[in-house]
Protein backbone atom coordinates (compact mmCIF):
# COMPACT_ATOMS: atom_id res chain seq x y z
CA UNK A 1 -0.08 -0.14 -0.07
CA UNK A 2 1.34 3.26 -1.14
CA UNK A 3 1.08 6.81 0.57
CA UNK A 4 -1.32 9.28 -1.72
CA UNK A 5 -1.34 12.60 -2.36
CA UNK A 6 -4.69 13.35 -1.51
CA UNK A 7 -5.90 17.22 -1.75
CA UNK A 8 -9.68 17.13 -3.05
CA UNK A 9 -12.83 16.34 -1.67
CA UNK A 10 -13.38 13.52 -4.77
CA UNK A 11 -10.10 12.13 -3.74
CA UNK A 12 -10.87 11.25 -0.50
CA UNK A 13 -13.98 9.56 -1.13
CA UNK A 14 -12.59 7.74 -3.63
CA UNK A 15 -9.91 6.46 -0.95
CA UNK A 16 -12.74 5.50 1.65
CA UNK A 17 -14.90 3.76 -1.42
CA UNK A 18 -11.67 1.60 -1.93
CA UNK A 19 -10.93 0.52 1.53
CA UNK A 20 -12.86 -2.68 1.88
CA UNK A 21 -10.79 -3.95 -0.76
CA UNK A 22 -7.98 -3.95 1.58
CA UNK A 23 -8.60 -4.58 4.83
CA UNK A 24 -10.82 -6.38 7.17
CA UNK A 25 -12.37 -5.61 10.75
CA UNK A 26 -10.25 -4.85 13.28
CA UNK A 27 -10.28 -5.09 17.24
CA UNK A 28 -11.74 -2.58 20.04
CA UNK A 29 -8.38 -2.52 21.29
CA UNK A 30 -7.05 -1.23 17.76
CA UNK A 31 -10.09 0.72 17.52
CA UNK A 32 -9.26 2.70 20.90
CA UNK A 33 -5.51 2.68 20.39
CA UNK A 34 -6.47 4.64 17.20
CA UNK A 35 -8.57 6.96 18.89
CA UNK A 36 -5.94 7.33 21.60
CA UNK A 37 -3.47 8.29 18.65
CA UNK A 38 -5.85 11.27 17.22
CA UNK A 39 -5.46 12.92 20.75
CA UNK A 40 -8.98 11.05 22.22
CA UNK A 41 -11.33 13.05 20.50
CA UNK A 42 -14.47 11.43 22.30
CA UNK A 43 -13.42 12.16 25.60
CA UNK A 44 -14.19 15.94 24.95
CA UNK A 45 -18.26 14.91 23.90
CA UNK A 46 -21.47 14.09 25.51
CA UNK A 47 -22.64 11.19 23.85
CA UNK A 48 -26.03 9.52 23.55
CA UNK A 49 -25.42 5.91 22.30
CA UNK A 50 -27.86 4.20 19.58
CA UNK A 51 -27.98 0.49 18.92
CA UNK A 52 -30.69 -1.85 17.64
CA UNK A 53 -31.80 -3.43 14.54
CA UNK A 54 -34.34 -1.12 13.21
CA UNK A 55 -35.01 2.46 13.96
CA UNK A 56 -32.16 3.58 14.81
CA UNK A 57 -31.42 6.10 12.06
CA UNK A 58 -35.12 7.79 12.81
CA UNK A 59 -34.88 8.13 16.61
CA UNK A 60 -31.50 9.61 16.07
CA UNK A 61 -33.34 12.12 13.80
CA UNK A 62 -35.95 12.26 16.30
CA UNK A 63 -33.74 13.25 19.33
CA UNK A 64 -31.91 15.44 17.33
CA UNK A 65 -34.89 17.70 16.23
CA UNK A 66 -35.75 17.68 20.01
CA UNK A 67 -32.60 18.45 21.55
CA UNK A 68 -32.30 21.13 18.88
CA UNK A 69 -35.91 22.74 19.93
CA UNK A 70 -34.70 22.86 23.31
CA UNK A 71 -32.14 25.20 21.93
CA UNK A 72 -28.98 22.56 22.75
CA UNK A 73 -26.25 22.32 19.76
CA UNK A 74 -25.87 18.40 18.19
CA UNK A 75 -23.72 16.55 16.25
CA UNK A 76 -24.98 13.20 14.53
CA UNK A 77 -23.18 10.39 13.07
CA UNK A 78 -25.36 7.69 11.10
CA UNK A 79 -25.05 5.26 8.51
CA UNK A 80 -25.67 4.57 6.11
CA UNK A 81 -25.77 7.30 3.20
CA UNK A 82 -28.37 7.38 0.77
CA UNK A 83 -26.53 9.69 -2.14
CA UNK A 84 -23.87 12.05 -0.46
CA UNK A 85 -21.67 10.38 1.66
CA UNK A 86 -21.63 13.46 3.89
CA UNK A 87 -24.95 12.87 5.16
CA UNK A 88 -23.31 10.91 8.00
CA UNK A 89 -21.85 13.98 9.53
CA UNK A 90 -24.50 16.40 10.42
CA UNK A 91 -23.77 19.59 12.79
CA UNK A 92 -27.13 21.25 13.41
CA UNK A 93 -29.10 19.71 11.22
CA UNK A 94 -26.61 20.67 8.10
CA UNK A 95 -24.24 18.17 6.83
CA UNK A 96 -20.62 18.96 7.18
CA UNK A 97 -18.76 21.13 4.46
CA UNK A 98 -16.53 19.62 1.67
CA UNK A 99 -13.81 21.25 3.43
CA UNK A 100 -14.68 19.96 6.88
CA UNK A 101 -15.16 16.50 5.31
CA UNK A 102 -11.16 16.95 3.92
CA UNK A 103 -9.87 18.19 6.77
CA UNK A 104 -11.10 15.44 8.99
CA UNK A 105 -10.43 12.97 6.28
CA UNK A 106 -6.51 14.36 6.35
CA UNK A 107 -6.15 14.25 9.80
CA UNK A 108 -7.26 10.44 10.13
CA UNK A 109 -5.07 9.48 6.80
CA UNK A 110 -1.84 11.23 8.00
CA UNK A 111 -2.62 9.53 11.38
CA UNK A 112 -1.89 6.10 9.70
CA UNK A 113 1.48 4.57 10.16
CA UNK A 114 2.50 4.32 6.60
CA UNK A 115 6.12 3.37 7.11
CA UNK A 116 4.87 0.06 8.64
CA UNK A 117 1.79 0.25 5.74
CA UNK A 118 4.08 0.18 3.24
CA UNK A 119 6.64 -2.57 4.55
CA UNK A 120 3.23 -4.68 4.46
CA UNK A 121 2.53 -3.48 1.04
CA UNK A 122 6.31 -5.56 0.28
CA UNK A 123 4.97 -8.58 2.26
CA UNK A 124 6.51 -7.52 5.44
CA UNK A 125 5.08 -7.29 8.90
CA UNK A 126 1.50 -6.25 9.71
CA UNK A 127 -0.13 -2.99 10.09
CA UNK A 128 -3.12 -1.17 11.27
CA UNK A 129 -5.72 0.51 9.09
CA UNK A 130 -9.19 1.11 9.86
CA UNK A 131 -11.95 -0.20 7.62
CA UNK A 132 -14.67 1.48 5.81
CA UNK A 133 -16.90 2.51 8.74
CA UNK A 134 -14.02 3.02 11.34
CA UNK A 135 -12.21 5.39 9.03
CA UNK A 136 -15.51 7.29 8.84
CA UNK A 137 -16.23 6.94 12.50
CA UNK A 138 -12.87 8.35 13.27
CA UNK A 139 -13.53 11.55 11.20
CA UNK A 140 -16.51 11.89 12.66
CA UNK A 141 -14.94 12.05 16.25
CA UNK A 142 -12.27 14.64 14.83
CA UNK A 143 -15.25 16.79 12.99
CA UNK A 144 -17.52 16.89 16.20
CA UNK A 145 -14.89 17.58 18.68
CA UNK A 146 -14.01 20.52 16.68
CA UNK A 147 -17.19 21.80 16.51
CA UNK A 148 -17.92 21.74 20.08
CA UNK A 149 -21.75 20.16 20.42
CA UNK A 150 -23.63 20.01 23.48
CA UNK A 151 -24.49 16.70 22.46
CA UNK A 152 -23.12 13.99 20.10
CA UNK A 153 -25.48 11.32 18.87
CA UNK A 154 -23.98 8.36 17.70
CA UNK A 155 -25.60 5.66 16.02
CA UNK A 156 -23.84 1.80 15.73
CA UNK A 157 -23.04 0.28 12.68
CA UNK A 158 -23.66 -3.61 12.95
CA UNK A 159 -24.08 -4.89 16.42
CA UNK A 160 -23.04 -3.04 19.57
CA UNK A 161 -20.85 -5.05 21.20
CA UNK A 162 -18.16 -4.81 19.02
CA UNK A 163 -18.82 -1.92 16.96
CA UNK A 164 -16.20 0.63 16.19
CA UNK A 165 -18.79 2.97 17.86
CA UNK A 166 -18.66 1.41 21.49
CA UNK A 167 -14.47 2.49 21.91
CA UNK A 168 -15.98 6.23 22.89
CA UNK A 169 -16.21 7.03 26.72
CA UNK A 170 -17.71 9.87 27.69
CA UNK A 171 -21.01 8.53 27.16
CA UNK A 172 -24.09 10.10 28.99
CA UNK A 173 -27.07 7.62 27.21
CA UNK A 174 -27.64 4.42 25.49
CA UNK A 175 -30.36 3.84 23.71
CA UNK A 176 -31.77 0.49 22.00
CA UNK A 177 -34.14 0.35 19.30
CA UNK A 178 -36.36 -2.41 18.06
CA UNK A 179 -34.75 -6.28 18.03
CA UNK A 180 -35.24 -8.62 15.11
CA UNK A 181 -33.28 -11.10 13.28
CA UNK A 182 -30.81 -9.58 10.85
CA UNK A 183 -27.48 -10.30 10.35
CA UNK A 184 -27.75 -13.83 11.85
CA UNK A 185 -24.36 -15.10 10.91
CA UNK A 186 -22.56 -11.93 12.50
CA UNK A 187 -24.96 -11.08 15.23
CA UNK A 188 -26.56 -15.10 16.26
CA UNK A 189 -29.49 -16.72 15.27
CA UNK A 190 -31.86 -15.66 18.27
CA UNK A 191 -33.28 -12.57 19.17
CA UNK A 192 -31.69 -13.31 22.51
CA UNK A 193 -28.46 -13.83 21.07
CA UNK A 194 -28.95 -10.67 18.72
CA UNK A 195 -30.00 -8.65 22.02
CA UNK A 196 -26.95 -9.55 23.80
CA UNK A 197 -24.76 -7.99 21.15
CA UNK A 198 -26.71 -4.61 21.08
CA UNK A 199 -26.47 -4.84 25.10
CA UNK A 200 -22.85 -4.38 24.80
CA UNK A 201 -23.07 -0.55 24.22
CA UNK A 202 -24.33 -0.04 27.95
CA UNK A 203 -21.97 1.27 30.39
CA UNK A 204 -21.31 1.38 33.93
CA UNK A 205 -23.00 5.05 35.24
CA UNK A 206 -24.67 5.37 32.16
CA UNK A 207 -28.40 4.98 32.22
CA UNK A 208 -30.22 2.73 28.76
CA UNK A 209 -33.76 2.98 27.42
CA UNK A 210 -34.93 0.10 25.51
CA UNK A 211 -37.67 -0.93 23.28
CA UNK A 212 -39.65 -3.71 24.64
CA UNK A 213 -39.73 -6.01 21.50
CA UNK A 214 -40.57 -9.08 23.69
CA UNK A 215 -39.92 -10.90 27.15
CA UNK A 216 -36.53 -12.82 25.72
CA UNK A 217 -34.98 -9.00 24.62
CA UNK A 218 -36.35 -7.69 27.75
CA UNK A 219 -34.75 -10.01 29.82
CA UNK A 220 -31.27 -9.68 27.96
CA UNK A 221 -31.48 -5.98 28.85
CA UNK A 222 -32.30 -6.05 32.30
CA UNK A 223 -30.05 -8.59 33.08
CA UNK A 224 -26.99 -6.86 31.80
CA UNK A 225 -28.37 -3.40 33.53
CA UNK A 226 -28.26 -5.12 36.76
CA UNK A 227 -25.07 -6.62 36.36
CA UNK A 228 -23.44 -3.06 35.65
CA UNK A 229 -25.75 -1.11 38.07
CA UNK A 230 -27.64 1.21 36.05
CA UNK A 231 -30.78 2.45 35.53
CA UNK A 232 -32.94 0.76 32.56
CA UNK A 233 -35.93 2.19 31.25
CA UNK A 234 -38.45 0.31 29.14
CA UNK A 235 -40.77 1.66 26.81
CA UNK A 236 -43.39 -0.20 24.54
CA UNK A 237 -46.52 -0.01 22.70
CA UNK A 238 -48.44 0.82 25.88
CA UNK A 239 -46.34 3.89 26.10
CA UNK A 240 -48.57 5.54 23.02
CA UNK A 241 -51.74 5.77 21.45
CA UNK A 242 -52.63 6.43 17.52
CA UNK A 243 -55.31 9.34 17.22
CA UNK A 244 -55.17 9.69 13.65
CA UNK A 245 -54.17 9.59 10.01
CA UNK A 246 -54.38 13.17 8.18
CA UNK A 247 -53.31 13.30 4.59
CA UNK A 248 -49.77 12.82 5.09
CA UNK A 249 -49.08 13.23 8.37
CA UNK A 250 -50.27 11.16 11.98
CA UNK A 251 -51.63 12.34 15.01
CA UNK A 252 -50.77 10.16 17.99
CA UNK A 253 -50.04 10.79 21.85
CA UNK A 254 -46.83 9.60 23.98
CA UNK A 255 -47.27 9.09 27.63
CA UNK A 256 -44.31 9.42 29.90
CA UNK A 257 -43.39 9.36 33.52
CA UNK A 258 -43.26 13.31 33.47
CA UNK A 259 -46.61 13.92 31.04
CA UNK A 260 -49.75 11.88 31.14
CA UNK A 261 -49.81 12.67 27.10
CA UNK A 262 -48.09 14.98 24.71
CA UNK A 263 -50.35 15.29 21.56
CA UNK A 264 -47.47 14.66 18.72
CA UNK A 265 -47.92 15.31 14.89
CA UNK A 266 -45.33 13.41 12.70
CA UNK A 267 -44.81 14.72 9.15
CA UNK A 268 -45.07 11.18 7.47
CA UNK A 269 -47.33 8.54 6.96
CA UNK A 270 -45.22 5.91 8.40
CA UNK A 271 -46.80 4.15 10.88
CA UNK A 272 -43.90 2.83 12.48
CA UNK A 273 -42.30 6.16 13.14
CA UNK A 274 -44.74 6.30 16.35
CA UNK A 275 -42.82 3.74 17.96
CA UNK A 276 -39.38 5.15 17.24
CA UNK A 277 -40.48 9.02 18.32
CA UNK A 278 -42.10 7.69 21.18
CA UNK A 279 -38.34 5.87 22.29
CA UNK A 280 -37.07 8.76 21.48
CA UNK A 281 -38.85 11.06 23.69
CA UNK A 282 -39.00 8.97 26.10
CA UNK A 283 -34.63 9.04 25.96
CA UNK A 284 -34.55 12.85 25.63
CA UNK A 285 -37.06 13.46 29.04
CA UNK A 286 -34.64 10.96 30.78
CA UNK A 287 -31.28 12.87 29.39
CA UNK A 288 -32.75 15.72 30.69
CA UNK A 289 -32.60 13.82 34.18
CA UNK A 290 -29.19 13.47 34.11
CA UNK A 291 -28.11 16.10 32.43
CA UNK A 292 -26.34 17.72 34.87
CA UNK A 293 -24.46 14.76 36.61
CA UNK A 294 -20.73 14.86 35.63
CA UNK A 295 -19.98 11.06 34.78
CA UNK A 296 -16.61 11.68 35.11
CA UNK A 297 -16.39 13.46 38.62
CA UNK A 298 -19.33 14.62 39.88
CA UNK A 299 -19.19 17.83 39.29
CA UNK A 300 -22.42 19.91 37.95
CA UNK A 301 -22.08 20.12 34.24
CA UNK A 302 -25.06 21.60 32.05
CA UNK A 303 -24.53 21.62 28.24
CA UNK A 304 -26.43 24.35 26.71
CA UNK A 305 -27.10 26.49 29.57
CA UNK A 306 -29.40 23.46 31.08
CA UNK A 307 -31.97 24.32 28.98
CA UNK A 308 -35.39 22.59 29.69
CA UNK A 309 -37.09 19.54 27.24
CA UNK A 310 -41.07 19.89 27.65
CA UNK A 311 -43.78 19.26 26.07
CA UNK A 312 -43.66 22.21 23.86
CA UNK A 313 -39.94 21.42 23.07
CA UNK A 314 -40.92 17.90 22.11
CA UNK A 315 -43.74 18.85 19.55
CA UNK A 316 -41.47 21.62 17.77
CA UNK A 317 -38.61 19.23 17.67
CA UNK A 318 -40.91 16.20 16.49
CA UNK A 319 -43.15 18.30 13.93
CA UNK A 320 -40.09 19.67 12.18
CA UNK A 321 -38.13 16.29 11.93
CA UNK A 322 -37.25 15.03 8.57
CA UNK A 323 -35.60 11.46 8.20
CA UNK A 324 -34.95 10.48 4.44
CA UNK A 325 -36.10 7.03 3.29
CA UNK A 326 -38.61 6.27 5.33
CA UNK A 327 -42.02 6.62 3.90
CA UNK A 328 -40.48 9.49 1.92
CA UNK A 329 -42.41 11.02 -1.13
CA UNK A 330 -39.59 11.92 -3.54
CA UNK A 331 -42.34 12.20 -6.86
CA UNK A 332 -46.09 12.90 -6.32
CA UNK A 333 -47.54 9.65 -5.04
CA UNK A 334 -44.37 7.60 -5.60
CA UNK A 335 -42.68 6.58 -1.86
CA UNK A 336 -39.33 5.31 -1.02
CA UNK A 337 -39.05 3.51 2.19
CA UNK A 338 -35.97 1.58 3.67
CA UNK A 339 -37.55 -1.55 4.93
CA UNK A 340 -34.91 -4.07 3.99
CA UNK A 341 -34.88 -7.15 6.58
CA UNK A 342 -38.19 -8.84 7.50
CA UNK A 343 -38.85 -6.91 10.23
CA UNK A 344 -38.89 -3.89 8.25
CA UNK A 345 -40.97 -5.32 5.35
CA UNK A 346 -43.53 -6.31 8.25
CA UNK A 347 -43.72 -2.38 9.60
CA UNK A 348 -43.32 -1.46 5.48
CA UNK A 349 -46.70 -3.47 5.23
CA UNK A 350 -48.64 -2.29 8.23
CA UNK A 351 -48.30 1.31 7.14
CA UNK A 352 -49.41 0.66 3.75
CA UNK A 353 -52.44 -1.13 5.04
CA UNK A 354 -53.25 1.81 7.19
CA UNK A 355 -52.13 4.82 5.07
CA UNK A 356 -55.61 5.45 4.09
CA UNK A 357 -55.13 5.38 0.46
CA UNK A 358 -57.96 3.79 -1.73
CA UNK A 359 -56.66 3.80 -5.54
CA UNK A 360 -54.22 1.21 -6.98
CA UNK A 361 -50.89 0.16 -5.40
CA UNK A 362 -47.84 -0.49 -7.47
CA UNK A 363 -44.38 -1.95 -5.48
CA UNK A 364 -40.93 -1.55 -6.79
CA UNK A 365 -39.07 -4.00 -5.01
CA UNK A 366 -35.19 -4.71 -4.94
CA UNK A 367 -32.59 -6.70 -2.39
CA UNK A 368 -29.69 -7.55 -1.28
CA UNK A 369 -28.40 -11.36 -1.29
CA UNK A 370 -27.38 -11.44 2.08
CA UNK A 371 -31.08 -10.95 3.34
CA UNK A 372 -33.96 -13.36 3.79
CA UNK A 373 -35.09 -12.22 0.63
CA UNK A 374 -37.22 -15.12 0.00
CA UNK A 375 -39.34 -14.24 2.99
CA UNK A 376 -39.64 -10.72 2.52
CA UNK A 377 -40.91 -11.62 -1.03
CA UNK A 378 -43.31 -13.83 0.22
CA UNK A 379 -44.94 -11.21 2.86
CA UNK A 380 -45.00 -8.90 0.26
CA UNK A 381 -46.98 -10.98 -2.55
CA UNK A 382 -49.22 -12.34 0.23
CA UNK A 383 -50.28 -9.17 1.63
CA UNK A 384 -52.97 -8.59 -0.50
CA UNK A 385 -51.78 -5.12 -0.65
CA UNK A 386 -50.37 -4.44 -4.42
CA UNK A 387 -51.97 -4.68 -7.86
CA UNK A 388 -48.69 -5.08 -9.34
CA UNK A 389 -45.02 -5.61 -8.30
CA UNK A 390 -42.35 -4.54 -10.26
CA UNK A 391 -38.94 -5.79 -9.43
CA UNK A 392 -35.39 -4.13 -10.69
CA UNK A 393 -31.59 -4.49 -10.39
CA UNK A 394 -29.34 -2.36 -8.84
CA UNK A 395 -25.70 -1.04 -9.20
CA UNK A 396 -24.53 -2.60 -6.35
CA UNK A 397 -23.00 -6.00 -6.86
CA UNK A 398 -24.66 -7.08 -3.76
CA UNK A 399 -27.97 -7.24 -5.15
CA UNK A 400 -30.21 -9.81 -6.81
CA UNK A 401 -30.36 -9.92 -9.92
CA UNK A 402 -32.87 -9.34 -12.68
CA UNK A 403 -33.57 -12.80 -13.43
CA UNK A 404 -33.31 -14.36 -10.08
CA UNK A 405 -36.24 -11.44 -8.63
CA UNK A 406 -38.24 -12.66 -11.43
CA UNK A 407 -38.02 -16.21 -10.01
CA UNK A 408 -38.37 -15.15 -6.77
CA UNK A 409 -41.97 -13.56 -7.60
CA UNK A 410 -42.80 -15.97 -10.23
CA UNK A 411 -44.52 -18.83 -8.26
CA UNK A 412 -46.48 -16.10 -6.32
CA UNK A 413 -50.21 -16.46 -7.14
CA UNK A 414 -52.17 -13.58 -8.08
CA UNK A 415 -48.87 -11.24 -8.56
CA UNK A 416 -48.17 -9.78 -11.62
CA UNK A 417 -44.61 -9.04 -11.68
CA UNK A 418 -42.47 -7.20 -14.76
CA UNK A 419 -39.01 -7.04 -14.16
CA UNK A 420 -36.64 -3.85 -15.21
CA UNK A 421 -32.89 -4.13 -15.74
CA UNK A 422 -32.03 -0.66 -14.36
CA UNK A 423 -33.72 1.41 -11.41
CA UNK A 424 -33.58 4.63 -13.99
CA UNK A 425 -35.23 2.79 -16.54
CA UNK A 426 -37.98 1.19 -13.78
CA UNK A 427 -38.81 4.17 -12.34
CA UNK A 428 -39.33 6.46 -16.06
CA UNK A 429 -41.40 3.51 -16.79
CA UNK A 430 -43.47 3.40 -13.84
CA UNK A 431 -44.04 7.23 -13.72
CA UNK A 432 -45.19 7.05 -17.17
CA UNK A 433 -47.70 4.65 -16.33
CA UNK A 434 -48.65 5.73 -13.17
CA UNK A 435 -52.53 6.33 -13.46
CA UNK A 436 -55.11 8.61 -11.83
CA UNK A 437 -55.51 7.83 -8.11
CA UNK A 438 -52.46 5.09 -7.91
CA UNK A 439 -49.79 5.14 -5.36
CA UNK A 440 -46.05 3.71 -5.99
CA UNK A 441 -44.11 2.58 -3.53
CA UNK A 442 -40.48 1.40 -3.35
CA UNK A 443 -39.04 -0.64 -1.07
CA UNK A 444 -36.34 -3.93 -0.14
CA UNK A 445 -33.24 -2.36 -0.19
CA UNK A 446 -31.62 1.41 1.48
CA UNK A 447 -29.44 0.96 -2.22
CA UNK A 448 -32.77 0.93 -4.24
CA UNK A 449 -33.71 4.37 -2.30
CA UNK A 450 -30.33 5.96 -2.96
CA UNK A 451 -31.01 5.39 -6.82
CA UNK A 452 -34.38 7.06 -6.31
CA UNK A 453 -33.42 9.94 -4.77
CA UNK A 454 -30.22 10.39 -6.44
CA UNK A 455 -32.82 10.44 -10.09
CA UNK A 456 -35.14 12.89 -7.96
CA UNK A 457 -32.43 15.32 -6.75
CA UNK A 458 -30.62 15.53 -9.97
CA UNK A 459 -33.53 15.43 -12.14
CA UNK A 460 -32.44 12.51 -14.47
CA UNK A 461 -35.32 11.40 -15.61
């Protein structure tokens, strides 16, 4: 591996995209050691750490919205990105600039041990190099420590216990979202095993808020919290109640230990966002309780002046919140949804069934091959919600090919399936054929969502 002269954003982006070709996952000790080499930027941050199977990004977004409505400055690190790699890094709700991105990249890049890396390239010795995700995580820590936000919200990449983001110190709150079977070859083949991996983000002295998915996962979280001697707060469907769908919004009510009912409006038709929003609301209220406690010395600490997070701030933060790719309307009556595993498809179908649309429905579907795509396809076809299903190949090499998709839906009774070679062709044709009162949905992969959003943003149709 040869050291390169990188001076432009595009060059840095290409380098990061190429990392999977020459590195593999490192140990937690390696990650912590490199953070230390960077000057322990995480130690300057007050971190809210979010793990879970589905809903992580949405919970992060609602938390950010509520905190900013209360007057706090926030930094947010999420994954994956849909169109622009800088989507992963936001400060006060805005993507970082290309200049800031490049500067953070170079800080990490120049801290690598290039003498050893070049020797390794010649077959001598071994050297540490961050993975794709680790490199971006280090960049986030550099960027955010310079911006000095009141709170830094970190979304885990995969799992929790061994995720790079779990190398941080300075946590103020841990949050765990809905748990389901996904990445079973890495995290385990039962919800208990997956919950144990997610519970790895819990830390002594740091309270945890978690979604009560089922008795098995809740037992894991409570046992780990008891072991660490920390407060654990369970949130469930009993903590919110649906009020009504408007045309493209949802009215519902959230109950917390502080408030009998907070009436909220979500700017989405995604019913599953009531769950994610409720978890974020409870987390924000608990955070307020702990915000003046210094986890490192017991001294009073009030970031941003210790502003209140009450019902008014929660309402403003939630109503102004937008999280891309979750039942997002990208063209008139054309919605994209990031459902990309079996549980995500379940939530997507529940939303479609309850969205109040009375006309025809068409689904555009694509999927990567390391998901349980057969069960996903069976659920979509057997639900009886779609008049026709279109399947499409994607640019990523991980996706199922069009011929495989055709075979996937070919055996589903009553399913009319059209197959397209490219996302651009599929979207163009579906929009051309869209009839009065017809609603189009796209789901199955975040890669699919990203390609469609890129088409919409760049007006490539």
